[in-house]
Amino acid sequence: MGLASGSKSEYSYDMTRLLEKGIEAVKALPADRQDMAGELLLSLADHDSPYQLTPEQLEDVRLALGEAEQGHFATEIELAATWKKFGL
């Protein structure tokens, strides 16, 4: 990764258009969601991290975030059933 010239900011790293689009979308989120996205990106970039998401897990995250953005959340009844299933 190198520095890009002619960008809006004084220092900008080269990144894919998809990553740029994702960063712009995250900027519009509330601070707590921005922090969550930041933690996820940092953990993905940390090659020494014991936590590495599989492609399937990444797809699950994408689907879950999409559902959350559309306001699709579990009902209280669904949550209670899940907690009961795990003995909680």
PDB file of N, CA and C in Angstrom:
ATOM      1  N   MET A   1       0.825  -1.176   0.000  1.00  0.00           N
ATOM      2  CA  MET A   1       0.000   0.000   0.000  1.00  0.00           C
ATOM      3  C   MET A   1       0.869   1.239   0.000  1.00  0.00           C
ATOM      4  N   GLY A   2       0.583   2.141  -0.889  1.00  0.00           N
ATOM      5  CA  GLY A   2       1.355   3.361  -0.937  1.00  0.00           C
ATOM      6  C   GLY A   2       0.466   4.567  -0.776  1.00  0.00           C
ATOM      7  N   LEU A   3       1.105   5.703  -0.718  1.00  0.00           N
ATOM      8  CA  LEU A   3       0.355   6.945  -0.607  1.00  0.00           C
ATOM      9  C   LEU A   3      -0.161   7.336  -1.976  1.00  0.00           C
ATOM     10  N   ALA A   4      -1.380   7.805  -2.012  1.00  0.00           N
ATOM     11  CA  ALA A   4      -1.981   8.253  -3.258  1.00  0.00           C
ATOM     12  C   ALA A   4      -1.819   9.756  -3.372  1.00  0.00           C
ATOM     13  N   SER A   5      -1.580  10.241  -4.559  1.00  0.00           N
ATOM     14  CA  SER A   5      -1.451  11.685  -4.734  1.00  0.00           C
ATOM     15  C   SER A   5      -2.752  12.239  -5.300  1.00  0.00           C
ATOM     16  N   GLY A   6      -2.974  13.531  -5.072  1.00  0.00           N
ATOM     17  CA  GLY A   6      -4.146  14.180  -5.622  1.00  0.00           C
ATOM     18  C   GLY A   6      -5.428  13.828  -4.912  1.00  0.00           C
ATOM     19  N   SER A   7      -5.363  13.352  -3.694  1.00  0.00           N
ATOM     20  CA  SER A   7      -6.576  13.003  -2.970  1.00  0.00           C
ATOM     21  C   SER A   7      -7.092  14.212  -2.209  1.00  0.00           C
ATOM     22  N   LYS A   8      -8.291  14.087  -1.657  1.00  0.00           N
ATOM     23  CA  LYS A   8      -8.921  15.165  -0.895  1.00  0.00           C
ATOM     24  C   LYS A   8      -8.142  15.505   0.363  1.00  0.00           C
ATOM     25  N   SER A   9      -7.652  14.497   1.043  1.00  0.00           N
ATOM     26  CA  SER A   9      -6.909  14.737   2.271  1.00  0.00           C
ATOM     27  C   SER A   9      -5.418  14.795   1.965  1.00  0.00           C
ATOM     28  N   GLU A  10      -4.651  15.324   2.904  1.00  0.00           N
ATOM     29  CA  GLU A  10      -3.210  15.452   2.707  1.00  0.00           C
ATOM     30  C   GLU A  10      -2.559  14.086   2.540  1.00  0.00           C
ATOM     31  N   TYR A  11      -2.985  13.115   3.350  1.00  0.00           N
ATOM     32  CA  TYR A  11      -2.452  11.761   3.276  1.00  0.00           C
ATOM     33  C   TYR A  11      -3.600  10.804   3.044  1.00  0.00           C
ATOM     34  N   SER A  12      -3.457   9.964   2.046  1.00  0.00           N
ATOM     35  CA  SER A  12      -4.500   8.985   1.754  1.00  0.00           C
ATOM     36  C   SER A  12      -3.835   7.726   1.209  1.00  0.00           C
ATOM     37  N   TYR A  13      -4.245   6.580   1.704  1.00  0.00           N
ATOM     38  CA  TYR A  13      -3.696   5.322   1.238  1.00  0.00           C
ATOM     39  C   TYR A  13      -4.554   4.779   0.109  1.00  0.00           C
ATOM     40  N   ASP A  14      -3.900   4.084  -0.833  1.00  0.00           N
ATOM     41  CA  ASP A  14      -4.630   3.433  -1.909  1.00  0.00           C
ATOM     42  C   ASP A  14      -5.549   2.385  -1.305  1.00  0.00           C
ATOM     43  N   MET A  15      -6.770   2.320  -1.792  1.00  0.00           N
ATOM     44  CA  MET A  15      -7.688   1.278  -1.368  1.00  0.00           C
ATOM     45  C   MET A  15      -8.648   0.989  -2.512  1.00  0.00           C
ATOM     46  N   THR A  16      -9.289  -0.145  -2.454  1.00  0.00           N
ATOM     47  CA  THR A  16     -10.224  -0.504  -3.508  1.00  0.00           C
ATOM     48  C   THR A  16     -11.449   0.402  -3.433  1.00  0.00           C
ATOM     49  N   ARG A  17     -12.158   0.471  -4.532  1.00  0.00           N
ATOM     50  CA  ARG A  17     -13.383   1.287  -4.558  1.00  0.00           C
ATOM     51  C   ARG A  17     -14.421   0.736  -3.587  1.00  0.00           C
ATOM     52  N   LEU A  18     -14.481  -0.584  -3.458  1.00  0.00           N
ATOM     53  CA  LEU A  18     -15.440  -1.176  -2.532  1.00  0.00           C
ATOM     54  C   LEU A  18     -15.120  -0.779  -1.096  1.00  0.00           C
ATOM     55  N   LEU A  19     -13.839  -0.791  -0.732  1.00  0.00           N
ATOM     56  CA  LEU A  19     -13.462  -0.372   0.611  1.00  0.00           C
ATOM     57  C   LEU A  19     -13.774   1.107   0.815  1.00  0.00           C
ATOM     58  N   GLU A  20     -13.471   1.939  -0.185  1.00  0.00           N
ATOM     59  CA  GLU A  20     -13.801   3.364  -0.085  1.00  0.00           C
ATOM     60  C   GLU A  20     -15.304   3.567   0.123  1.00  0.00           C
ATOM     61  N   LYS A  21     -16.094   2.825  -0.634  1.00  0.00           N
ATOM     62  CA  LYS A  21     -17.553   2.921  -0.515  1.00  0.00           C
ATOM     63  C   LYS A  21     -17.993   2.489   0.888  1.00  0.00           C
ATOM     64  N   GLY A  22     -17.390   1.422   1.391  1.00  0.00           N
ATOM     65  CA  GLY A  22     -17.713   0.953   2.737  1.00  0.00           C
ATOM     66  C   GLY A  22     -17.339   1.962   3.801  1.00  0.00           C
ATOM     67  N   ILE A  23     -16.169   2.574   3.669  1.00  0.00           N
ATOM     68  CA  ILE A  23     -15.730   3.581   4.640  1.00  0.00           C
ATOM     69  C   ILE A  23     -16.693   4.767   4.628  1.00  0.00           C
ATOM     70  N   GLU A  24     -17.088   5.211   3.458  1.00  0.00           N
ATOM     71  CA  GLU A  24     -18.030   6.331   3.355  1.00  0.00           C
ATOM     72  C   GLU A  24     -19.369   5.975   4.009  1.00  0.00           C
ATOM     73  N   ALA A  25     -19.831   4.757   3.807  1.00  0.00           N
ATOM     74  CA  ALA A  25     -21.098   4.328   4.414  1.00  0.00           C
ATOM     75  C   ALA A  25     -20.985   4.284   5.931  1.00  0.00           C
ATOM     76  N   VAL A  26     -19.857   3.811   6.433  1.00  0.00           N
ATOM     77  CA  VAL A  26     -19.652   3.713   7.876  1.00  0.00           C
ATOM     78  C   VAL A  26     -19.596   5.104   8.509  1.00  0.00           C
ATOM     79  N   LYS A  27     -19.052   6.083   7.797  1.00  0.00           N
ATOM     80  CA  LYS A  27     -18.974   7.450   8.325  1.00  0.00           C
ATOM     81  C   LYS A  27     -20.354   8.010   8.674  1.00  0.00           C
ATOM     82  N   ALA A  28     -21.384   7.529   7.994  1.00  0.00           N
ATOM     83  CA  ALA A  28     -22.734   8.025   8.230  1.00  0.00           C
ATOM     84  C   ALA A  28     -23.428   7.331   9.404  1.00  0.00           C
ATOM     85  N   LEU A  29     -22.806   6.307   9.954  1.00  0.00           N
ATOM     86  CA  LEU A  29     -23.407   5.553  11.056  1.00  0.00           C
ATOM     87  C   LEU A  29     -23.197   6.277  12.382  1.00  0.00           C
ATOM     88  N   PRO A  30     -24.001   5.931  13.390  1.00  0.00           N
ATOM     89  CA  PRO A  30     -23.770   6.469  14.735  1.00  0.00           C
ATOM     90  C   PRO A  30     -22.396   6.029  15.256  1.00  0.00           C
ATOM     91  N   ALA A  31     -21.875   6.759  16.218  1.00  0.00           N
ATOM     92  CA  ALA A  31     -20.520   6.523  16.729  1.00  0.00           C
ATOM     93  C   ALA A  31     -20.306   5.088  17.194  1.00  0.00           C
ATOM     94  N   ASP A  32     -21.285   4.491  17.865  1.00  0.00           N
ATOM     95  CA  ASP A  32     -21.090   3.130  18.366  1.00  0.00           C
ATOM     96  C   ASP A  32     -20.958   2.122  17.224  1.00  0.00           C
ATOM     97  N   ARG A  33     -21.696   2.337  16.145  1.00  0.00           N
ATOM     98  CA  ARG A  33     -21.594   1.448  14.981  1.00  0.00           C
ATOM     99  C   ARG A  33     -20.274   1.684  14.249  1.00  0.00           C
ATOM    100  N   GLN A  34     -19.808   2.945  14.208  1.00  0.00           N
ATOM    101  CA  GLN A  34     -18.510   3.233  13.612  1.00  0.00           C
ATOM    102  C   GLN A  34     -17.404   2.517  14.373  1.00  0.00           C
ATOM    103  N   ASP A  35     -17.499   2.538  15.700  1.00  0.00           N
ATOM    104  CA  ASP A  35     -16.494   1.855  16.522  1.00  0.00           C
ATOM    105  C   ASP A  35     -16.510   0.354  16.256  1.00  0.00           C
ATOM    106  N   MET A  36     -17.705  -0.224  16.130  1.00  0.00           N
ATOM    107  CA  MET A  36     -17.814  -1.653  15.859  1.00  0.00           C
ATOM    108  C   MET A  36     -17.167  -1.981  14.508  1.00  0.00           C
ATOM    109  N   ALA A  37     -17.432  -1.160  13.508  1.00  0.00           N
ATOM    110  CA  ALA A  37     -16.844  -1.385  12.187  1.00  0.00           C
ATOM    111  C   ALA A  37     -15.324  -1.231  12.251  1.00  0.00           C
ATOM    112  N   GLY A  38     -14.861  -0.248  13.001  1.00  0.00           N
ATOM    113  CA  GLY A  38     -13.424  -0.038  13.150  1.00  0.00           C
ATOM    114  C   GLY A  38     -12.746  -1.221  13.807  1.00  0.00           C
ATOM    115  N   GLU A  39     -13.367  -1.753  14.853  1.00  0.00           N
ATOM    116  CA  GLU A  39     -12.809  -2.924  15.534  1.00  0.00           C
ATOM    117  C   GLU A  39     -12.743  -4.114  14.582  1.00  0.00           C
ATOM    118  N   LEU A  40     -13.783  -4.283  13.785  1.00  0.00           N
ATOM    119  CA  LEU A  40     -13.809  -5.394  12.831  1.00  0.00           C
ATOM    120  C   LEU A  40     -12.696  -5.238  11.799  1.00  0.00           C
ATOM    121  N   LEU A  41     -12.547  -4.036  11.242  1.00  0.00           N
ATOM    122  CA  LEU A  41     -11.486  -3.810  10.265  1.00  0.00           C
ATOM    123  C   LEU A  41     -10.106  -4.037  10.860  1.00  0.00           C
ATOM    124  N   LEU A  42      -9.890  -3.531  12.063  1.00  0.00           N
ATOM    125  CA  LEU A  42      -8.587  -3.719  12.700  1.00  0.00           C
ATOM    126  C   LEU A  42      -8.296  -5.188  12.974  1.00  0.00           C
ATOM    127  N   SER A  43      -9.304  -5.926  13.392  1.00  0.00           N
ATOM    128  CA  SER A  43      -9.073  -7.348  13.658  1.00  0.00           C
ATOM    129  C   SER A  43      -8.802  -8.109  12.368  1.00  0.00           C
ATOM    130  N   LEU A  44      -9.451  -7.708  11.272  1.00  0.00           N
ATOM    131  CA  LEU A  44      -9.187  -8.360   9.992  1.00  0.00           C
ATOM    132  C   LEU A  44      -7.787  -8.037   9.481  1.00  0.00           C
ATOM    133  N   ALA A  45      -7.301  -6.840   9.765  1.00  0.00           N
ATOM    134  CA  ALA A  45      -5.981  -6.419   9.294  1.00  0.00           C
ATOM    135  C   ALA A  45      -4.853  -6.981  10.159  1.00  0.00           C
ATOM    136  N   ASP A  46      -5.167  -7.416  11.369  1.00  0.00           N
ATOM    137  CA  ASP A  46      -4.154  -7.937  12.291  1.00  0.00           C
ATOM    138  C   ASP A  46      -3.856  -9.389  11.938  1.00  0.00           C
ATOM    139  N   HIS A  47      -2.783  -9.590  11.211  1.00  0.00           N
ATOM    140  CA  HIS A  47      -2.439 -10.949  10.779  1.00  0.00           C
ATOM    141  C   HIS A  47      -2.010 -11.850  11.925  1.00  0.00           C
ATOM    142  N   ASP A  48      -1.648 -11.258  13.060  1.00  0.00           N
ATOM    143  CA  ASP A  48      -1.257 -12.049  14.220  1.00  0.00           C
ATOM    144  C   ASP A  48      -2.440 -12.384  15.118  1.00  0.00           C
ATOM    145  N   SER A  49      -3.601 -11.857  14.794  1.00  0.00           N
ATOM    146  CA  SER A  49      -4.783 -12.080  15.612  1.00  0.00           C
ATOM    147  C   SER A  49      -5.191 -13.553  15.543  1.00  0.00           C
ATOM    148  N   PRO A  50      -5.583 -14.127  16.685  1.00  0.00           N
ATOM    149  CA  PRO A  50      -6.065 -15.505  16.652  1.00  0.00           C
ATOM    150  C   PRO A  50      -7.458 -15.608  16.031  1.00  0.00           C
ATOM    151  N   TYR A  51      -8.102 -14.469  15.826  1.00  0.00           N
ATOM    152  CA  TYR A  51      -9.459 -14.443  15.278  1.00  0.00           C
ATOM    153  C   TYR A  51      -9.422 -14.060  13.811  1.00  0.00           C
ATOM    154  N   GLN A  52      -9.717 -14.997  12.971  1.00  0.00           N
ATOM    155  CA  GLN A  52      -9.785 -14.754  11.536  1.00  0.00           C
ATOM    156  C   GLN A  52     -11.131 -15.268  11.038  1.00  0.00           C
ATOM    157  N   LEU A  53     -11.884 -14.389  10.402  1.00  0.00           N
ATOM    158  CA  LEU A  53     -13.183 -14.790   9.885  1.00  0.00           C
ATOM    159  C   LEU A  53     -13.015 -15.574   8.591  1.00  0.00           C
ATOM    160  N   THR A  54     -13.812 -16.615   8.459  1.00  0.00           N
ATOM    161  CA  THR A  54     -13.834 -17.393   7.222  1.00  0.00           C
ATOM    162  C   THR A  54     -14.684 -16.628   6.211  1.00  0.00           C
ATOM    163  N   PRO A  55     -14.599 -16.971   4.939  1.00  0.00           N
ATOM    164  CA  PRO A  55     -15.475 -16.326   3.955  1.00  0.00           C
ATOM    165  C   PRO A  55     -16.962 -16.487   4.305  1.00  0.00           C
ATOM    166  N   GLU A  56     -17.320 -17.638   4.869  1.00  0.00           N
ATOM    167  CA  GLU A  56     -18.709 -17.865   5.266  1.00  0.00           C
ATOM    168  C   GLU A  56     -19.113 -16.934   6.413  1.00  0.00           C
ATOM    169  N   GLN A  57     -18.206 -16.748   7.362  1.00  0.00           N
ATOM    170  CA  GLN A  57     -18.495 -15.839   8.481  1.00  0.00           C
ATOM    171  C   GLN A  57     -18.610 -14.394   8.003  1.00  0.00           C
ATOM    172  N   LEU A  58     -17.752 -14.006   7.063  1.00  0.00           N
ATOM    173  CA  LEU A  58     -17.845 -12.660   6.497  1.00  0.00           C
ATOM    174  C   LEU A  58     -19.188 -12.451   5.806  1.00  0.00           C
ATOM    175  N   GLU A  59     -19.636 -13.449   5.089  1.00  0.00           N
ATOM    176  CA  GLU A  59     -20.940 -13.346   4.425  1.00  0.00           C
ATOM    177  C   GLU A  59     -22.064 -13.239   5.457  1.00  0.00           C
ATOM    178  N   ASP A  60     -21.964 -13.991   6.545  1.00  0.00           N
ATOM    179  CA  ASP A  60     -22.955 -13.888   7.622  1.00  0.00           C
ATOM    180  C   ASP A  60     -22.988 -12.477   8.204  1.00  0.00           C
ATOM    181  N   VAL A  61     -21.811 -11.875   8.382  1.00  0.00           N
ATOM    182  CA  VAL A  61     -21.740 -10.506   8.904  1.00  0.00           C
ATOM    183  C   VAL A  61     -22.402  -9.551   7.919  1.00  0.00           C
ATOM    184  N   ARG A  62     -22.114  -9.708   6.638  1.00  0.00           N
ATOM    185  CA  ARG A  62     -22.723  -8.846   5.615  1.00  0.00           C
ATOM    186  C   ARG A  62     -24.244  -8.963   5.642  1.00  0.00           C
ATOM    187  N   LEU A  63     -24.726 -10.192   5.720  1.00  0.00           N
ATOM    188  CA  LEU A  63     -26.178 -10.399   5.747  1.00  0.00           C
ATOM    189  C   LEU A  63     -26.806  -9.789   6.996  1.00  0.00           C
ATOM    190  N   ALA A  64     -26.170 -10.002   8.134  1.00  0.00           N
ATOM    191  CA  ALA A  64     -26.702  -9.472   9.400  1.00  0.00           C
ATOM    192  C   ALA A  64     -26.728  -7.955   9.395  1.00  0.00           C
ATOM    193  N   LEU A  65     -25.664  -7.325   8.903  1.00  0.00           N
ATOM    194  CA  LEU A  65     -25.639  -5.866   8.847  1.00  0.00           C
ATOM    195  C   LEU A  65     -26.689  -5.329   7.889  1.00  0.00           C
ATOM    196  N   GLY A  66     -26.880  -6.016   6.781  1.00  0.00           N
ATOM    197  CA  GLY A  66     -27.927  -5.618   5.830  1.00  0.00           C
ATOM    198  C   GLY A  66     -29.311  -5.699   6.447  1.00  0.00           C
ATOM    199  N   GLU A  67     -29.563  -6.771   7.178  1.00  0.00           N
ATOM    200  CA  GLU A  67     -30.857  -6.912   7.853  1.00  0.00           C
ATOM    201  C   GLU A  67     -31.037  -5.835   8.916  1.00  0.00           C
ATOM    202  N   ALA A  68     -29.985  -5.541   9.653  1.00  0.00           N
ATOM    203  CA  ALA A  68     -30.065  -4.502  10.685  1.00  0.00           C
ATOM    204  C   ALA A  68     -30.319  -3.142  10.057  1.00  0.00           C
ATOM    205  N   GLU A  69     -29.666  -2.853   8.947  1.00  0.00           N
ATOM    206  CA  GLU A  69     -29.869  -1.571   8.267  1.00  0.00           C
ATOM    207  C   GLU A  69     -31.311  -1.422   7.784  1.00  0.00           C
ATOM    208  N   GLN A  70     -31.941  -2.536   7.460  1.00  0.00           N
ATOM    209  CA  GLN A  70     -33.338  -2.509   7.012  1.00  0.00           C
ATOM    210  C   GLN A  70     -34.316  -2.553   8.184  1.00  0.00           C
ATOM    211  N   GLY A  71     -33.785  -2.627   9.400  1.00  0.00           N
ATOM    212  CA  GLY A  71     -34.637  -2.644  10.580  1.00  0.00           C
ATOM    213  C   GLY A  71     -35.217  -4.003  10.923  1.00  0.00           C
ATOM    214  N   HIS A  72     -34.639  -5.054  10.367  1.00  0.00           N
ATOM    215  CA  HIS A  72     -35.115  -6.410  10.644  1.00  0.00           C
ATOM    216  C   HIS A  72     -34.391  -6.966  11.862  1.00  0.00           C
ATOM    217  N   PHE A  73     -35.100  -6.992  12.972  1.00  0.00           N
ATOM    218  CA  PHE A  73     -34.530  -7.500  14.220  1.00  0.00           C
ATOM    219  C   PHE A  73     -35.420  -8.603  14.768  1.00  0.00           C
ATOM    220  N   ALA A  74     -34.851  -9.452  15.598  1.00  0.00           N
ATOM    221  CA  ALA A  74     -35.617 -10.521  16.221  1.00  0.00           C
ATOM    222  C   ALA A  74     -36.657  -9.925  17.175  1.00  0.00           C
ATOM    223  N   THR A  75     -37.790 -10.592  17.259  1.00  0.00           N
ATOM    224  CA  THR A  75     -38.833 -10.164  18.190  1.00  0.00           C
ATOM    225  C   THR A  75     -38.477 -10.640  19.598  1.00  0.00           C
ATOM    226  N   GLU A  76     -39.186 -10.116  20.586  1.00  0.00           N
ATOM    227  CA  GLU A  76     -38.961 -10.554  21.968  1.00  0.00           C
ATOM    228  C   GLU A  76     -39.214 -12.052  22.106  1.00  0.00           C
ATOM    229  N   ILE A  77     -40.216 -12.567  21.415  1.00  0.00           N
ATOM    230  CA  ILE A  77     -40.545 -13.995  21.470  1.00  0.00           C
ATOM    231  C   ILE A  77     -39.405 -14.822  20.868  1.00  0.00           C
ATOM    232  N   GLU A  78     -38.852 -14.371  19.731  1.00  0.00           N
ATOM    233  CA  GLU A  78     -37.736 -15.084  19.109  1.00  0.00           C
ATOM    234  C   GLU A  78     -36.494 -15.060  20.008  1.00  0.00           C
ATOM    235  N   LEU A  79     -36.248 -13.926  20.638  1.00  0.00           N
ATOM    236  CA  LEU A  79     -35.111 -13.842  21.552  1.00  0.00           C
ATOM    237  C   LEU A  79     -35.286 -14.776  22.742  1.00  0.00           C
ATOM    238  N   ALA A  80     -36.476 -14.797  23.315  1.00  0.00           N
ATOM    239  CA  ALA A  80     -36.745 -15.670  24.461  1.00  0.00           C
ATOM    240  C   ALA A  80     -36.537 -17.136  24.080  1.00  0.00           C
ATOM    241  N   ALA A  81     -36.982 -17.513  22.884  1.00  0.00           N
ATOM    242  CA  ALA A  81     -36.813 -18.885  22.420  1.00  0.00           C
ATOM    243  C   ALA A  81     -35.336 -19.233  22.254  1.00  0.00           C
ATOM    244  N   THR A  82     -34.551 -18.288  21.759  1.00  0.00           N
ATOM    245  CA  THR A  82     -33.116 -18.515  21.589  1.00  0.00           C
ATOM    246  C   THR A  82     -32.436 -18.679  22.925  1.00  0.00           C
ATOM    247  N   TRP A  83     -32.743 -17.776  23.878  1.00  0.00           N
ATOM    248  CA  TRP A  83     -32.142 -17.881  25.215  1.00  0.00           C
ATOM    249  C   TRP A  83     -32.516 -19.210  25.856  1.00  0.00           C
ATOM    250  N   LYS A  84     -33.771 -19.623  25.718  1.00  0.00           N
ATOM    251  CA  LYS A  84     -34.225 -20.879  26.299  1.00  0.00           C
ATOM    252  C   LYS A  84     -33.492 -22.058  25.679  1.00  0.00           C
ATOM    253  N   LYS A  85     -33.272 -21.994  24.384  1.00  0.00           N
ATOM    254  CA  LYS A  85     -32.578 -23.064  23.673  1.00  0.00           C
ATOM    255  C   LYS A  85     -31.180 -23.313  24.235  1.00  0.00           C
ATOM    256  N   PHE A  86     -30.528 -22.229  24.687  1.00  0.00           N
ATOM    257  CA  PHE A  86     -29.184 -22.340  25.238  1.00  0.00           C
ATOM    258  C   PHE A  86     -29.180 -22.368  26.768  1.00  0.00           C
ATOM    259  N   GLY A  87     -30.345 -22.564  27.348  1.00  0.00           N
ATOM    260  CA  GLY A  87     -30.436 -22.700  28.797  1.00  0.00           C
ATOM    261  C   GLY A  87     -30.230 -21.416  29.562  1.00  0.00           C
ATOM    262  N   LEU A  88     -30.505 -20.303  28.954  1.00  0.00           N
ATOM    263  CA  LEU A  88     -30.315 -19.013  29.611  1.00  0.00           C
ATOM    264  C   LEU A  88     -31.638 -18.315  29.865  1.00  0.00           C
TER     265      LEU A  88
END
